[in-house]
Amino acid sequence: MVDVASFGEPMVEFCATDIGKLKDVQVFKRGWGGDTSNFIVSVARLGGKAGYICRIGDDEFGESFLELWGNEGIDTSQVVIEKGGFTAVYFISLLPGGGHDFTYFRKGSAASHYSPSDLNPKYLSDLKVFHSSGISMAISESCRETVLKAADIVNEHGGLFSFDLNFRPRLWSPQYAKSYI
């Protein structure tokens, strides 16, 4: 049984190995990202009974996440594989002076298509903790509705709702975010 589940958008990370603009970099190191995926991996590594709730594309990046979560002992029974969908990616460029810049390819990702009808109320009602984030709420209207519905179900059954604000003005305005957060 899962005690803690997280909902959101997993993203494959490509980090430049050299300083420079993305167009000039030849080599990238691949990793896994996404705030809520990182959260649930940490829960599992600390010994928690963890599960992840999301949509991934039926692509090799989605497969790599299933392998990652499986190797970490994370329940993936609530992961929907979207036929024809894609798993989001982002690139990190290293800037002179030690800074970095992010470039995202996420619009229309499989994760952004998750909707409240994808939720399993029984799974949610058994949780001790449901976790999500401001990013998860910002990637689409259906994801925003999903977070709110899942939080209601978990709270109705005595569970806790954990929320990482993780506000990103690139995804939604402060005024719009305030009406939901």
C-alpha atoms as a PDB file:
ATOM      1  CA  MET A   1       0.000   0.000   0.000  1.00  0.00           C
ATOM      2  CA  VAL A   2       1.174   3.523  -0.829  1.00  0.00           C
ATOM      3  CA  ASP A   3       1.269   6.136   1.940  1.00  0.00           C
ATOM      4  CA  VAL A   4       2.566   9.135  -0.038  1.00  0.00           C
ATOM      5  CA  ALA A   5       1.751   9.916  -3.673  1.00  0.00           C
ATOM      6  CA  SER A   6       2.799  12.819  -5.816  1.00  0.00           C
ATOM      7  CA  PHE A   7       1.115  14.266  -8.913  1.00  0.00           C
ATOM      8  CA  GLY A   8       2.776  16.301 -11.615  1.00  0.00           C
ATOM      9  CA  GLU A   9       4.915  16.495 -14.714  1.00  0.00           C
ATOM     10  CA  PRO A  10       8.074  14.433 -15.012  1.00  0.00           C
ATOM     11  CA  MET A  11      10.636  15.988 -17.339  1.00  0.00           C
ATOM     12  CA  VAL A  12      13.792  14.607 -18.896  1.00  0.00           C
ATOM     13  CA  GLU A  13      16.728  16.921 -18.273  1.00  0.00           C
ATOM     14  CA  PHE A  14      19.596  17.632 -20.648  1.00  0.00           C
ATOM     15  CA  CYS A  15      22.353  19.641 -18.985  1.00  0.00           C
ATOM     16  CA  ALA A  16      25.106  21.130 -21.114  1.00  0.00           C
ATOM     17  CA  THR A  17      28.578  19.902 -20.219  1.00  0.00           C
ATOM     18  CA  ASP A  18      30.263  23.089 -21.451  1.00  0.00           C
ATOM     19  CA  ILE A  19      29.651  26.784 -20.937  1.00  0.00           C
ATOM     20  CA  GLY A  20      27.853  28.436 -23.815  1.00  0.00           C
ATOM     21  CA  LYS A  21      24.606  28.953 -25.658  1.00  0.00           C
ATOM     22  CA  LEU A  22      22.498  25.883 -26.387  1.00  0.00           C
ATOM     23  CA  LYS A  23      23.086  26.285 -30.110  1.00  0.00           C
ATOM     24  CA  ASP A  24      26.838  25.980 -29.538  1.00  0.00           C
ATOM     25  CA  VAL A  25      26.889  23.084 -27.059  1.00  0.00           C
ATOM     26  CA  GLN A  26      27.683  19.651 -28.470  1.00  0.00           C
ATOM     27  CA  VAL A  27      27.382  17.394 -25.404  1.00  0.00           C
ATOM     28  CA  PHE A  28      24.630  17.141 -22.787  1.00  0.00           C
ATOM     29  CA  LYS A  29      24.246  14.926 -19.740  1.00  0.00           C
ATOM     30  CA  ARG A  30      20.795  13.379 -19.415  1.00  0.00           C
ATOM     31  CA  GLY A  31      18.999  13.264 -16.101  1.00  0.00           C
ATOM     32  CA  TRP A  32      15.503  13.206 -14.665  1.00  0.00           C
ATOM     33  CA  GLY A  33      13.595  16.207 -13.416  1.00  0.00           C
ATOM     34  CA  GLY A  34      10.218  17.551 -12.550  1.00  0.00           C
ATOM     35  CA  ASP A  35       9.577  18.870  -9.064  1.00  0.00           C
ATOM     36  CA  THR A  36       6.977  16.290  -8.063  1.00  0.00           C
ATOM     37  CA  SER A  37       8.933  13.366  -9.499  1.00  0.00           C
ATOM     38  CA  ASN A  38      12.031  14.510  -7.617  1.00  0.00           C
ATOM     39  CA  PHE A  39       9.911  14.764  -4.470  1.00  0.00           C
ATOM     40  CA  ILE A  40       8.557  11.217  -4.692  1.00  0.00           C
ATOM     41  CA  VAL A  41      11.989   9.757  -5.491  1.00  0.00           C
ATOM     42  CA  SER A  42      13.233  11.399  -2.278  1.00  0.00           C
ATOM     43  CA  VAL A  43      10.312   9.952  -0.307  1.00  0.00           C
ATOM     44  CA  ALA A  44      11.137   6.469  -1.615  1.00  0.00           C
ATOM     45  CA  ARG A  45      14.849   6.859  -0.870  1.00  0.00           C
ATOM     46  CA  LEU A  46      13.967   7.800   2.703  1.00  0.00           C
ATOM     47  CA  GLY A  47      11.999   4.554   3.051  1.00  0.00           C
ATOM     48  CA  GLY A  48       8.496   5.868   2.387  1.00  0.00           C
ATOM     49  CA  LYS A  49       5.849   3.839   0.584  1.00  0.00           C
ATOM     50  CA  ALA A  50       5.654   6.064  -2.465  1.00  0.00           C
ATOM     51  CA  GLY A  51       3.542   6.339  -5.610  1.00  0.00           C
ATOM     52  CA  TYR A  52       3.486   8.650  -8.608  1.00  0.00           C
ATOM     53  CA  ILE A  53       0.429   9.923 -10.487  1.00  0.00           C
ATOM     54  CA  CYS A  54       0.932  11.364 -13.971  1.00  0.00           C
ATOM     55  CA  ARG A  55       0.747  10.904 -17.722  1.00  0.00           C
ATOM     56  CA  ILE A  56       3.845  10.131 -19.758  1.00  0.00           C
ATOM     57  CA  GLY A  57       4.316   9.739 -23.476  1.00  0.00           C
ATOM     58  CA  ASP A  58       4.631   6.347 -25.098  1.00  0.00           C
ATOM     59  CA  ASP A  59       8.208   7.268 -25.940  1.00  0.00           C
ATOM     60  CA  GLU A  60      11.632   6.215 -24.716  1.00  0.00           C
ATOM     61  CA  PHE A  61      11.742   9.101 -22.252  1.00  0.00           C
ATOM     62  CA  GLY A  62       8.524   7.853 -20.674  1.00  0.00           C
ATOM     63  CA  GLU A  63      10.041   4.367 -20.527  1.00  0.00           C
ATOM     64  CA  SER A  64      13.120   5.788 -18.805  1.00  0.00           C
ATOM     65  CA  PHE A  65      10.924   7.286 -16.087  1.00  0.00           C
ATOM     66  CA  LEU A  66       9.145   3.975 -15.551  1.00  0.00           C
ATOM     67  CA  GLU A  67      12.562   2.337 -15.134  1.00  0.00           C
ATOM     68  CA  LEU A  68      13.714   5.057 -12.728  1.00  0.00           C
ATOM     69  CA  TRP A  69      10.597   4.840 -10.572  1.00  0.00           C
ATOM     70  CA  GLY A  70      10.641   1.035 -10.671  1.00  0.00           C
ATOM     71  CA  ASN A  71      14.273   0.951  -9.559  1.00  0.00           C
ATOM     72  CA  GLU A  72      13.396   3.306  -6.695  1.00  0.00           C
ATOM     73  CA  GLY A  73      10.475   1.118  -5.559  1.00  0.00           C
ATOM     74  CA  ILE A  74       7.836   3.697  -6.491  1.00  0.00           C
ATOM     75  CA  ASP A  75       4.338   2.458  -7.312  1.00  0.00           C
ATOM     76  CA  THR A  76       3.465   3.372 -10.913  1.00  0.00           C
ATOM     77  CA  SER A  77      -0.023   1.872 -11.047  1.00  0.00           C
ATOM     78  CA  GLN A  78      -1.461   5.395 -11.477  1.00  0.00           C
ATOM     79  CA  VAL A  79       0.859   6.409 -14.323  1.00  0.00           C
ATOM     80  CA  VAL A  80      -1.062   6.707 -17.594  1.00  0.00           C
ATOM     81  CA  ILE A  81       0.895   6.072 -20.794  1.00  0.00           C
ATOM     82  CA  GLU A  82      -0.535   8.337 -23.477  1.00  0.00           C
ATOM     83  CA  LYS A  83      -0.490   6.759 -26.919  1.00  0.00           C
ATOM     84  CA  GLY A  84       1.048   9.264 -29.317  1.00  0.00           C
ATOM     85  CA  GLY A  85       1.926  11.602 -26.446  1.00  0.00           C
ATOM     86  CA  PHE A  86       5.362  12.896 -25.557  1.00  0.00           C
ATOM     87  CA  THR A  87       7.229  13.234 -22.301  1.00  0.00           C
ATOM     88  CA  ALA A  88       8.405  16.798 -21.634  1.00  0.00           C
ATOM     89  CA  VAL A  89      12.080  17.746 -21.759  1.00  0.00           C
ATOM     90  CA  TYR A  90      14.201  20.702 -20.748  1.00  0.00           C
ATOM     91  CA  PHE A  91      17.724  21.886 -21.405  1.00  0.00           C
ATOM     92  CA  ILE A  92      20.098  23.622 -19.016  1.00  0.00           C
ATOM     93  CA  SER A  93      22.733  25.899 -20.499  1.00  0.00           C
ATOM     94  CA  LEU A  94      25.723  26.906 -18.400  1.00  0.00           C
ATOM     95  CA  LEU A  95      26.505  30.608 -18.463  1.00  0.00           C
ATOM     96  CA  PRO A  96      29.820  32.373 -17.944  1.00  0.00           C
ATOM     97  CA  GLY A  97      30.197  33.325 -14.287  1.00  0.00           C
ATOM     98  CA  GLY A  98      28.438  30.215 -12.976  1.00  0.00           C
ATOM     99  CA  GLY A  99      24.821  30.971 -13.855  1.00  0.00           C
ATOM    100  CA  HIS A 100      22.490  28.775 -15.846  1.00  0.00           C
ATOM    101  CA  ASP A 101      19.448  29.120 -18.075  1.00  0.00           C
ATOM    102  CA  PHE A 102      16.549  26.746 -18.702  1.00  0.00           C
ATOM    103  CA  THR A 103      14.780  26.030 -21.994  1.00  0.00           C
ATOM    104  CA  TYR A 104      11.585  23.960 -21.760  1.00  0.00           C
ATOM    105  CA  PHE A 105       9.743  21.809 -24.290  1.00  0.00           C
ATOM    106  CA  ARG A 106       6.570  20.961 -22.400  1.00  0.00           C
ATOM    107  CA  LYS A 107       3.569  22.606 -24.081  1.00  0.00           C
ATOM    108  CA  GLY A 108       1.103  19.857 -24.968  1.00  0.00           C
ATOM    109  CA  SER A 109       3.074  17.181 -23.110  1.00  0.00           C
ATOM    110  CA  ALA A 110       1.318  13.990 -22.065  1.00  0.00           C
ATOM    111  CA  ALA A 111       1.457  15.208 -18.459  1.00  0.00           C
ATOM    112  CA  SER A 112      -0.460  18.372 -19.355  1.00  0.00           C
ATOM    113  CA  HIS A 113      -3.340  16.216 -20.634  1.00  0.00           C
ATOM    114  CA  TYR A 114      -4.016  14.591 -17.250  1.00  0.00           C
ATOM    115  CA  SER A 115      -7.582  15.286 -16.174  1.00  0.00           C
ATOM    116  CA  PRO A 116      -9.690  14.718 -13.063  1.00  0.00           C
ATOM    117  CA  SER A 117     -11.387  11.773 -14.788  1.00  0.00           C
ATOM    118  CA  ASP A 118      -8.005   9.984 -14.809  1.00  0.00           C
ATOM    119  CA  LEU A 119      -7.906   9.985 -10.998  1.00  0.00           C
ATOM    120  CA  ASN A 120      -8.560   6.835  -8.991  1.00  0.00           C
ATOM    121  CA  PRO A 121     -10.590   7.980  -5.943  1.00  0.00           C
ATOM    122  CA  LYS A 122      -9.952   4.711  -4.050  1.00  0.00           C
ATOM    123  CA  TYR A 123      -6.187   5.096  -4.465  1.00  0.00           C
ATOM    124  CA  LEU A 124      -6.371   8.697  -3.230  1.00  0.00           C
ATOM    125  CA  SER A 125      -8.652   7.902  -0.291  1.00  0.00           C
ATOM    126  CA  ASP A 126      -6.088   5.437   1.086  1.00  0.00           C
ATOM    127  CA  LEU A 127      -3.206   7.936   1.059  1.00  0.00           C
ATOM    128  CA  LYS A 128      -1.726   9.527   4.143  1.00  0.00           C
ATOM    129  CA  VAL A 129      -0.209  12.337   2.038  1.00  0.00           C
ATOM    130  CA  PHE A 130      -0.932  13.686  -1.445  1.00  0.00           C
ATOM    131  CA  HIS A 131       1.709  16.046  -2.833  1.00  0.00           C
ATOM    132  CA  SER A 132       1.652  18.417  -5.788  1.00  0.00           C
ATOM    133  CA  SER A 133       2.958  21.825  -6.807  1.00  0.00           C
ATOM    134  CA  GLY A 134       2.303  25.188  -8.374  1.00  0.00           C
ATOM    135  CA  ILE A 135       3.979  23.973 -11.553  1.00  0.00           C
ATOM    136  CA  SER A 136       1.562  21.044 -11.721  1.00  0.00           C
ATOM    137  CA  MET A 137      -1.350  23.457 -11.423  1.00  0.00           C
ATOM    138  CA  ALA A 138       0.085  25.843 -14.016  1.00  0.00           C
ATOM    139  CA  ILE A 139       0.776  23.493 -16.934  1.00  0.00           C
ATOM    140  CA  SER A 140      -2.898  23.180 -17.911  1.00  0.00           C
ATOM    141  CA  GLU A 141      -6.436  23.859 -16.742  1.00  0.00           C
ATOM    142  CA  SER A 142      -7.132  20.120 -16.517  1.00  0.00           C
ATOM    143  CA  CYS A 143      -4.074  19.604 -14.294  1.00  0.00           C
ATOM    144  CA  ARG A 144      -5.163  22.495 -12.073  1.00  0.00           C
ATOM    145  CA  GLU A 145      -8.593  20.867 -11.709  1.00  0.00           C
ATOM    146  CA  THR A 146      -6.917  17.518 -11.039  1.00  0.00           C
ATOM    147  CA  VAL A 147      -4.837  18.883  -8.158  1.00  0.00           C
ATOM    148  CA  LEU A 148      -7.879  20.509  -6.558  1.00  0.00           C
ATOM    149  CA  LYS A 149     -10.052  17.396  -6.916  1.00  0.00           C
ATOM    150  CA  ALA A 150      -7.329  15.067  -5.625  1.00  0.00           C
ATOM    151  CA  ALA A 151      -6.665  17.330  -2.637  1.00  0.00           C
ATOM    152  CA  ASP A 152     -10.385  17.332  -1.801  1.00  0.00           C
ATOM    153  CA  ILE A 153     -10.597  13.529  -1.960  1.00  0.00           C
ATOM    154  CA  VAL A 154      -7.506  13.051   0.199  1.00  0.00           C
ATOM    155  CA  ASN A 155      -8.667  15.633   2.758  1.00  0.00           C
ATOM    156  CA  GLU A 156     -12.169  14.089   2.933  1.00  0.00           C
ATOM    157  CA  HIS A 157     -10.560  10.790   3.944  1.00  0.00           C
ATOM    158  CA  GLY A 158      -8.256  12.230   6.601  1.00  0.00           C
ATOM    159  CA  GLY A 159      -5.104  12.519   4.513  1.00  0.00           C
ATOM    160  CA  LEU A 160      -2.849  15.529   4.208  1.00  0.00           C
ATOM    161  CA  PHE A 161      -2.297  17.732   1.170  1.00  0.00           C
ATOM    162  CA  SER A 162       1.343  18.732   0.739  1.00  0.00           C
ATOM    163  CA  PHE A 163       1.939  21.617  -1.654  1.00  0.00           C
ATOM    164  CA  ASP A 164       5.147  23.108  -3.030  1.00  0.00           C
ATOM    165  CA  LEU A 165       4.300  26.604  -4.258  1.00  0.00           C
ATOM    166  CA  ASN A 166       7.086  26.500  -6.855  1.00  0.00           C
ATOM    167  CA  PHE A 167       5.600  29.516  -8.635  1.00  0.00           C
ATOM    168  CA  ARG A 168       6.801  30.078 -12.210  1.00  0.00           C
ATOM    169  CA  PRO A 169       5.716  33.386 -13.794  1.00  0.00           C
ATOM    170  CA  ARG A 170       6.535  31.917 -17.227  1.00  0.00           C
ATOM    171  CA  LEU A 171       3.613  29.529 -16.725  1.00  0.00           C
ATOM    172  CA  TRP A 172       0.965  31.816 -15.215  1.00  0.00           C
ATOM    173  CA  SER A 173       0.575  35.338 -13.909  1.00  0.00           C
ATOM    174  CA  PRO A 174       0.727  36.154 -10.198  1.00  0.00           C
ATOM    175  CA  GLN A 175      -2.861  37.423 -10.351  1.00  0.00           C
ATOM    176  CA  TYR A 176      -4.162  34.186 -11.875  1.00  0.00           C
ATOM    177  CA  ALA A 177      -2.108  32.000  -9.556  1.00  0.00           C
ATOM    178  CA  LYS A 178      -3.446  33.870  -6.499  1.00  0.00           C
ATOM    179  CA  SER A 179      -6.983  32.809  -7.346  1.00  0.00           C
ATOM    180  CA  TYR A 180      -5.988  29.136  -6.977  1.00  0.00           C
ATOM    181  CA  ILE A 181      -3.125  28.995  -4.517  1.00  0.00           C
END
